[in-house]
Amino acid sequence: MDGNLTLQLANFSTLFVCMVLKFPQIFVLMRARASAGVSLNSLLLELLGFIVFMSYQMYYDYPPLTYLEYPILIAQDVIVLLLILHYNRNLKHSLVYAALFVGGWQLLTVQKWVIDLAMSLCTFISASSKLAQLQCLWRSKDSRQVSTLTWALATYTCLARIFTTVITTGDTQVLIRFVVMTILNMWVTVTVIYYKPHAVKQD
């Protein structure tokens, strides 16, 4: 298969998957009307990582197709965040989180060194989000409100982005981030499956 066609397939399949990535998790939360097993800290760290990563790609004028899914993922994460806050009766905190994220987003591109420093920490931030979710699962030993499909799809998108990064930009920081995220997403997926009740094997 032509390399350029393979690259386009990887880009568009990633974009398509990301358009629906969080939908299974959203539906699971809405059906259960509870958020046990879903880590709020993990979600907040993931949002921060997404914002930093997208800002870095935009700042250095990387091809839009290499990060176009991130505005979609951020929007879906915001919906998940609102659902978690709602079911935890903490919806009033949403304004505080909104102010912090919007303010931080603006500060990222004030100086080149700021965005470079943020990107150097991005892998650590994103990895911490996965570890926070794992910790939440280990503590609760209950993954009924966690979507297996969402985490499996996240694993695929990271694998696809390893390929597209190698072919397009070759950015080492970006590549390391996707390799680490792939490993951790797979770990979370396996853990979610492990803690699913035997009578409930699908989301």
C-alpha atoms as a PDB file:
ATOM      1  CA  MET A   1       0.000   0.000   0.000  1.00  0.00           C
ATOM      2  CA  ASP A   2       1.247   3.488  -0.826  1.00  0.00           C
ATOM      3  CA  GLY A   3       2.842   5.179   2.195  1.00  0.00           C
ATOM      4  CA  ASN A   4       0.896   8.398   1.715  1.00  0.00           C
ATOM      5  CA  LEU A   5      -2.405   6.498   1.576  1.00  0.00           C
ATOM      6  CA  THR A   6      -1.490   4.585   4.743  1.00  0.00           C
ATOM      7  CA  LEU A   7      -0.723   7.877   6.473  1.00  0.00           C
ATOM      8  CA  GLN A   8      -4.072   9.340   5.413  1.00  0.00           C
ATOM      9  CA  LEU A   9      -5.904   6.232   6.616  1.00  0.00           C
ATOM     10  CA  ALA A  10      -4.131   6.446   9.969  1.00  0.00           C
ATOM     11  CA  ASN A  11      -4.957  10.154  10.312  1.00  0.00           C
ATOM     12  CA  PHE A  12      -8.613   9.869   9.342  1.00  0.00           C
ATOM     13  CA  SER A  13      -9.249   6.655  11.285  1.00  0.00           C
ATOM     14  CA  THR A  14      -7.792   8.335  14.379  1.00  0.00           C
ATOM     15  CA  LEU A  15      -9.947  11.392  13.813  1.00  0.00           C
ATOM     16  CA  PHE A  16     -13.062   9.252  13.342  1.00  0.00           C
ATOM     17  CA  VAL A  17     -12.384   7.154  16.442  1.00  0.00           C
ATOM     18  CA  CYS A  18     -11.739  10.279  18.516  1.00  0.00           C
ATOM     19  CA  MET A  19     -15.063  11.753  17.398  1.00  0.00           C
ATOM     20  CA  VAL A  20     -16.797   8.980  19.371  1.00  0.00           C
ATOM     21  CA  LEU A  21     -14.032   7.996  21.807  1.00  0.00           C
ATOM     22  CA  LYS A  22     -15.717   9.181  24.995  1.00  0.00           C
ATOM     23  CA  PHE A  23     -19.278   8.365  23.942  1.00  0.00           C
ATOM     24  CA  PRO A  24     -19.226   4.867  25.510  1.00  0.00           C
ATOM     25  CA  GLN A  25     -18.000   6.379  28.795  1.00  0.00           C
ATOM     26  CA  ILE A  26     -20.645   9.104  28.642  1.00  0.00           C
ATOM     27  CA  PHE A  27     -23.405   6.543  28.029  1.00  0.00           C
ATOM     28  CA  VAL A  28     -22.172   4.296  30.858  1.00  0.00           C
ATOM     29  CA  LEU A  29     -22.204   7.206  33.319  1.00  0.00           C
ATOM     30  CA  MET A  30     -25.643   8.367  32.215  1.00  0.00           C
ATOM     31  CA  ARG A  31     -27.064   4.867  32.485  1.00  0.00           C
ATOM     32  CA  ALA A  32     -25.556   4.202  35.914  1.00  0.00           C
ATOM     33  CA  ARG A  33     -26.146   7.717  37.301  1.00  0.00           C
ATOM     34  CA  ALA A  34     -22.982   7.169  39.299  1.00  0.00           C
ATOM     35  CA  SER A  35     -19.252   7.641  38.744  1.00  0.00           C
ATOM     36  CA  ALA A  36     -17.698   5.023  41.035  1.00  0.00           C
ATOM     37  CA  GLY A  37     -14.424   3.780  39.580  1.00  0.00           C
ATOM     38  CA  VAL A  38     -13.995   6.826  37.314  1.00  0.00           C
ATOM     39  CA  SER A  39     -11.183   9.024  38.629  1.00  0.00           C
ATOM     40  CA  LEU A  40     -11.837  12.773  38.678  1.00  0.00           C
ATOM     41  CA  ASN A  41      -8.115  13.465  39.132  1.00  0.00           C
ATOM     42  CA  SER A  42      -7.351  11.297  36.108  1.00  0.00           C
ATOM     43  CA  LEU A  43      -9.813  13.244  33.977  1.00  0.00           C
ATOM     44  CA  LEU A  44      -8.458  16.636  35.081  1.00  0.00           C
ATOM     45  CA  LEU A  45      -4.877  15.575  34.339  1.00  0.00           C
ATOM     46  CA  GLU A  46      -5.946  14.180  30.968  1.00  0.00           C
ATOM     47  CA  LEU A  47      -7.618  17.469  30.078  1.00  0.00           C
ATOM     48  CA  LEU A  48      -4.481  19.368  31.060  1.00  0.00           C
ATOM     49  CA  GLY A  49      -2.338  17.038  28.956  1.00  0.00           C
ATOM     50  CA  PHE A  50      -4.636  17.427  25.936  1.00  0.00           C
ATOM     51  CA  ILE A  51      -4.557  21.230  26.203  1.00  0.00           C
ATOM     52  CA  VAL A  52      -0.759  21.361  26.486  1.00  0.00           C
ATOM     53  CA  PHE A  53      -0.236  18.917  23.627  1.00  0.00           C
ATOM     54  CA  MET A  54      -2.632  20.694  21.258  1.00  0.00           C
ATOM     55  CA  SER A  55      -1.168  24.108  22.122  1.00  0.00           C
ATOM     56  CA  TYR A  56       2.351  22.813  21.395  1.00  0.00           C
ATOM     57  CA  GLN A  57       1.350  21.387  18.017  1.00  0.00           C
ATOM     58  CA  MET A  58      -0.444  24.605  17.050  1.00  0.00           C
ATOM     59  CA  TYR A  59       2.415  26.824  18.262  1.00  0.00           C
ATOM     60  CA  TYR A  60       4.915  25.040  16.008  1.00  0.00           C
ATOM     61  CA  ASP A  61       2.533  24.908  13.034  1.00  0.00           C
ATOM     62  CA  TYR A  62       2.408  21.137  12.812  1.00  0.00           C
ATOM     63  CA  PRO A  63       0.031  19.674  10.186  1.00  0.00           C
ATOM     64  CA  PRO A  64      -3.548  20.084  11.513  1.00  0.00           C
ATOM     65  CA  LEU A  65      -4.336  16.426  10.807  1.00  0.00           C
ATOM     66  CA  THR A  66      -1.783  15.410  13.451  1.00  0.00           C
ATOM     67  CA  TYR A  67      -3.746  17.071  16.260  1.00  0.00           C
ATOM     68  CA  LEU A  68      -7.228  17.788  14.872  1.00  0.00           C
ATOM     69  CA  GLU A  69      -8.792  15.233  17.221  1.00  0.00           C
ATOM     70  CA  TYR A  70      -7.782  17.118  20.355  1.00  0.00           C
ATOM     71  CA  PRO A  71     -10.486  19.820  20.301  1.00  0.00           C
ATOM     72  CA  ILE A  72     -13.003  16.968  19.944  1.00  0.00           C
ATOM     73  CA  LEU A  73     -11.452  15.022  22.828  1.00  0.00           C
ATOM     74  CA  ILE A  74     -11.375  18.120  25.027  1.00  0.00           C
ATOM     75  CA  ALA A  75     -15.069  18.771  24.372  1.00  0.00           C
ATOM     76  CA  GLN A  76     -15.940  15.156  25.222  1.00  0.00           C
ATOM     77  CA  ASP A  77     -13.811  15.246  28.373  1.00  0.00           C
ATOM     78  CA  VAL A  78     -15.662  18.378  29.480  1.00  0.00           C
ATOM     79  CA  ILE A  79     -18.967  16.478  29.157  1.00  0.00           C
ATOM     80  CA  VAL A  80     -17.569  13.562  31.197  1.00  0.00           C
ATOM     81  CA  LEU A  81     -16.278  16.033  33.788  1.00  0.00           C
ATOM     82  CA  LEU A  82     -19.689  17.688  34.113  1.00  0.00           C
ATOM     83  CA  LEU A  83     -21.366  14.296  34.521  1.00  0.00           C
ATOM     84  CA  ILE A  84     -18.927  13.252  37.250  1.00  0.00           C
ATOM     85  CA  LEU A  85     -19.394  16.548  39.086  1.00  0.00           C
ATOM     86  CA  HIS A  86     -23.163  16.250  38.709  1.00  0.00           C
ATOM     87  CA  TYR A  87     -23.343  12.710  40.090  1.00  0.00           C
ATOM     88  CA  ASN A  88     -20.945  13.668  42.908  1.00  0.00           C
ATOM     89  CA  ARG A  89     -23.091  16.757  43.647  1.00  0.00           C
ATOM     90  CA  ASN A  90     -20.158  19.086  43.010  1.00  0.00           C
ATOM     91  CA  LEU A  91     -21.378  20.800  39.837  1.00  0.00           C
ATOM     92  CA  LYS A  92     -20.670  24.232  41.333  1.00  0.00           C
ATOM     93  CA  HIS A  93     -16.948  23.441  41.051  1.00  0.00           C
ATOM     94  CA  SER A  94     -17.231  23.433  37.257  1.00  0.00           C
ATOM     95  CA  LEU A  95     -16.824  27.236  37.109  1.00  0.00           C
ATOM     96  CA  VAL A  96     -13.575  27.024  39.064  1.00  0.00           C
ATOM     97  CA  TYR A  97     -12.192  24.333  36.764  1.00  0.00           C
ATOM     98  CA  ALA A  98     -13.269  26.321  33.693  1.00  0.00           C
ATOM     99  CA  ALA A  99     -11.479  29.455  34.909  1.00  0.00           C
ATOM    100  CA  LEU A 100      -8.288  27.524  35.701  1.00  0.00           C
ATOM    101  CA  PHE A 101      -8.173  25.701  32.362  1.00  0.00           C
ATOM    102  CA  VAL A 102      -8.974  28.768  30.223  1.00  0.00           C
ATOM    103  CA  GLY A 103      -6.457  30.900  32.119  1.00  0.00           C
ATOM    104  CA  GLY A 104      -3.775  28.241  31.859  1.00  0.00           C
ATOM    105  CA  TRP A 105      -4.467  27.766  28.153  1.00  0.00           C
ATOM    106  CA  GLN A 106      -3.834  31.470  27.533  1.00  0.00           C
ATOM    107  CA  LEU A 107      -0.565  31.435  29.500  1.00  0.00           C
ATOM    108  CA  LEU A 108       0.891  28.490  27.577  1.00  0.00           C
ATOM    109  CA  THR A 109       1.759  30.468  24.439  1.00  0.00           C
ATOM    110  CA  VAL A 110       2.906  33.717  26.081  1.00  0.00           C
ATOM    111  CA  GLN A 111       6.571  32.736  25.633  1.00  0.00           C
ATOM    112  CA  LYS A 112       8.310  29.995  23.656  1.00  0.00           C
ATOM    113  CA  TRP A 113      10.029  28.644  26.776  1.00  0.00           C
ATOM    114  CA  VAL A 114       6.665  28.264  28.514  1.00  0.00           C
ATOM    115  CA  ILE A 115       5.171  26.006  25.847  1.00  0.00           C
ATOM    116  CA  ASP A 116       8.451  24.050  25.556  1.00  0.00           C
ATOM    117  CA  LEU A 117       8.560  23.511  29.322  1.00  0.00           C
ATOM    118  CA  ALA A 118       4.883  22.520  29.394  1.00  0.00           C
ATOM    119  CA  MET A 119       5.455  20.025  26.579  1.00  0.00           C
ATOM    120  CA  SER A 120       8.450  18.534  28.387  1.00  0.00           C
ATOM    121  CA  LEU A 121       6.094  17.870  31.317  1.00  0.00           C
ATOM    122  CA  CYS A 122       3.206  16.716  29.111  1.00  0.00           C
ATOM    123  CA  THR A 123       4.187  13.047  29.073  1.00  0.00           C
ATOM    124  CA  PHE A 124       4.478  13.074  32.863  1.00  0.00           C
ATOM    125  CA  ILE A 125       1.078  14.795  33.187  1.00  0.00           C
ATOM    126  CA  SER A 126      -0.648  12.393  30.804  1.00  0.00           C
ATOM    127  CA  ALA A 127       1.030   9.357  32.383  1.00  0.00           C
ATOM    128  CA  SER A 128      -0.083  10.584  35.803  1.00  0.00           C
ATOM    129  CA  SER A 129      -3.675  10.700  34.551  1.00  0.00           C
ATOM    130  CA  LYS A 130      -3.547   7.021  33.584  1.00  0.00           C
ATOM    131  CA  LEU A 131      -1.894   6.069  36.870  1.00  0.00           C
ATOM    132  CA  ALA A 132      -4.581   7.990  38.769  1.00  0.00           C
ATOM    133  CA  GLN A 133      -7.250   5.962  36.960  1.00  0.00           C
ATOM    134  CA  LEU A 134      -5.408   2.740  37.741  1.00  0.00           C
ATOM    135  CA  GLN A 135      -5.147   3.725  41.402  1.00  0.00           C
ATOM    136  CA  CYS A 136      -8.864   4.472  41.489  1.00  0.00           C
ATOM    137  CA  LEU A 137      -9.635   1.038  40.050  1.00  0.00           C
ATOM    138  CA  TRP A 138      -7.273  -0.744  42.428  1.00  0.00           C
ATOM    139  CA  ARG A 139      -8.895   1.028  45.347  1.00  0.00           C
ATOM    140  CA  SER A 140     -12.525   0.503  44.329  1.00  0.00           C
ATOM    141  CA  LYS A 141     -12.058  -2.899  42.651  1.00  0.00           C
ATOM    142  CA  ASP A 142     -15.134  -1.934  40.626  1.00  0.00           C
ATOM    143  CA  SER A 143     -15.096  -0.918  36.965  1.00  0.00           C
ATOM    144  CA  ARG A 144     -18.819  -1.089  36.226  1.00  0.00           C
ATOM    145  CA  GLN A 145     -18.927   2.656  35.515  1.00  0.00           C
ATOM    146  CA  VAL A 146     -15.717   2.600  33.440  1.00  0.00           C
ATOM    147  CA  SER A 147     -16.044   1.949  29.710  1.00  0.00           C
ATOM    148  CA  THR A 148     -13.766  -0.770  28.371  1.00  0.00           C
ATOM    149  CA  LEU A 149     -14.445   0.366  24.818  1.00  0.00           C
ATOM    150  CA  THR A 150     -13.312   3.934  25.507  1.00  0.00           C
ATOM    151  CA  TRP A 151      -9.958   2.763  26.843  1.00  0.00           C
ATOM    152  CA  ALA A 152      -9.481   0.251  24.020  1.00  0.00           C
ATOM    153  CA  LEU A 153     -10.161   2.965  21.436  1.00  0.00           C
ATOM    154  CA  ALA A 154      -7.723   5.274  23.226  1.00  0.00           C
ATOM    155  CA  THR A 155      -5.062   2.586  22.875  1.00  0.00           C
ATOM    156  CA  TYR A 156      -5.688   2.380  19.129  1.00  0.00           C
ATOM    157  CA  THR A 157      -5.443   6.151  18.633  1.00  0.00           C
ATOM    158  CA  CYS A 158      -2.089   6.269  20.416  1.00  0.00           C
ATOM    159  CA  LEU A 159      -0.757   3.405  18.286  1.00  0.00           C
ATOM    160  CA  ALA A 160      -1.905   5.213  15.148  1.00  0.00           C
ATOM    161  CA  ARG A 161      -0.258   8.434  16.320  1.00  0.00           C
ATOM    162  CA  ILE A 162       3.066   6.652  16.817  1.00  0.00           C
ATOM    163  CA  PHE A 163       2.953   5.802  13.121  1.00  0.00           C
ATOM    164  CA  THR A 164       1.848   9.272  11.948  1.00  0.00           C
ATOM    165  CA  THR A 165       4.445  11.014  14.122  1.00  0.00           C
ATOM    166  CA  VAL A 166       7.279   8.894  12.737  1.00  0.00           C
ATOM    167  CA  ILE A 167       6.166   9.615   9.157  1.00  0.00           C
ATOM    168  CA  THR A 168       5.388  13.353   9.491  1.00  0.00           C
ATOM    169  CA  THR A 169       7.266  15.308  12.184  1.00  0.00           C
ATOM    170  CA  GLY A 170       9.588  12.783  13.838  1.00  0.00           C
ATOM    171  CA  ASP A 171       9.327  14.839  17.038  1.00  0.00           C
ATOM    172  CA  THR A 172      11.007  12.763  19.768  1.00  0.00           C
ATOM    173  CA  GLN A 173       9.020  14.306  22.648  1.00  0.00           C
ATOM    174  CA  VAL A 174       5.744  13.598  20.862  1.00  0.00           C
ATOM    175  CA  LEU A 175       6.808  10.066  19.958  1.00  0.00           C
ATOM    176  CA  ILE A 176       7.851   9.209  23.518  1.00  0.00           C
ATOM    177  CA  ARG A 177       4.521  10.546  24.785  1.00  0.00           C
ATOM    178  CA  PHE A 178       2.514   8.290  22.461  1.00  0.00           C
ATOM    179  CA  VAL A 179       4.586   5.203  23.275  1.00  0.00           C
ATOM    180  CA  VAL A 180       4.099   5.758  27.016  1.00  0.00           C
ATOM    181  CA  MET A 181       0.380   6.491  26.535  1.00  0.00           C
ATOM    182  CA  THR A 182      -0.090   3.322  24.485  1.00  0.00           C
ATOM    183  CA  ILE A 183       1.419   1.156  27.231  1.00  0.00           C
ATOM    184  CA  LEU A 184      -0.594   2.826  29.998  1.00  0.00           C
ATOM    185  CA  ASN A 185      -3.870   2.794  28.029  1.00  0.00           C
ATOM    186  CA  MET A 186      -3.424  -0.930  27.467  1.00  0.00           C
ATOM    187  CA  TRP A 187      -2.767  -1.403  31.184  1.00  0.00           C
ATOM    188  CA  VAL A 188      -5.942   0.492  32.114  1.00  0.00           C
ATOM    189  CA  THR A 189      -7.964  -1.492  29.550  1.00  0.00           C
ATOM    190  CA  VAL A 190      -6.798  -4.813  30.990  1.00  0.00           C
ATOM    191  CA  THR A 191      -7.493  -3.584  34.531  1.00  0.00           C
ATOM    192  CA  VAL A 192     -11.010  -2.448  33.606  1.00  0.00           C
ATOM    193  CA  ILE A 193     -11.738  -5.867  32.112  1.00  0.00           C
ATOM    194  CA  TYR A 194     -10.293  -7.599  35.183  1.00  0.00           C
ATOM    195  CA  TYR A 195     -12.571  -5.715  37.590  1.00  0.00           C
ATOM    196  CA  LYS A 196     -15.739  -6.089  35.522  1.00  0.00           C
ATOM    197  CA  PRO A 197     -18.379  -8.217  37.287  1.00  0.00           C
ATOM    198  CA  HIS A 198     -18.595 -11.616  35.560  1.00  0.00           C
ATOM    199  CA  ALA A 199     -22.251 -11.027  34.768  1.00  0.00           C
ATOM    200  CA  VAL A 200     -21.529  -7.748  33.005  1.00  0.00           C
ATOM    201  CA  LYS A 201     -18.906  -8.138  30.310  1.00  0.00           C
ATOM    202  CA  GLN A 202     -19.838  -5.308  27.983  1.00  0.00           C
ATOM    203  CA  ASP A 203     -20.572  -1.599  28.260  1.00  0.00           C
END
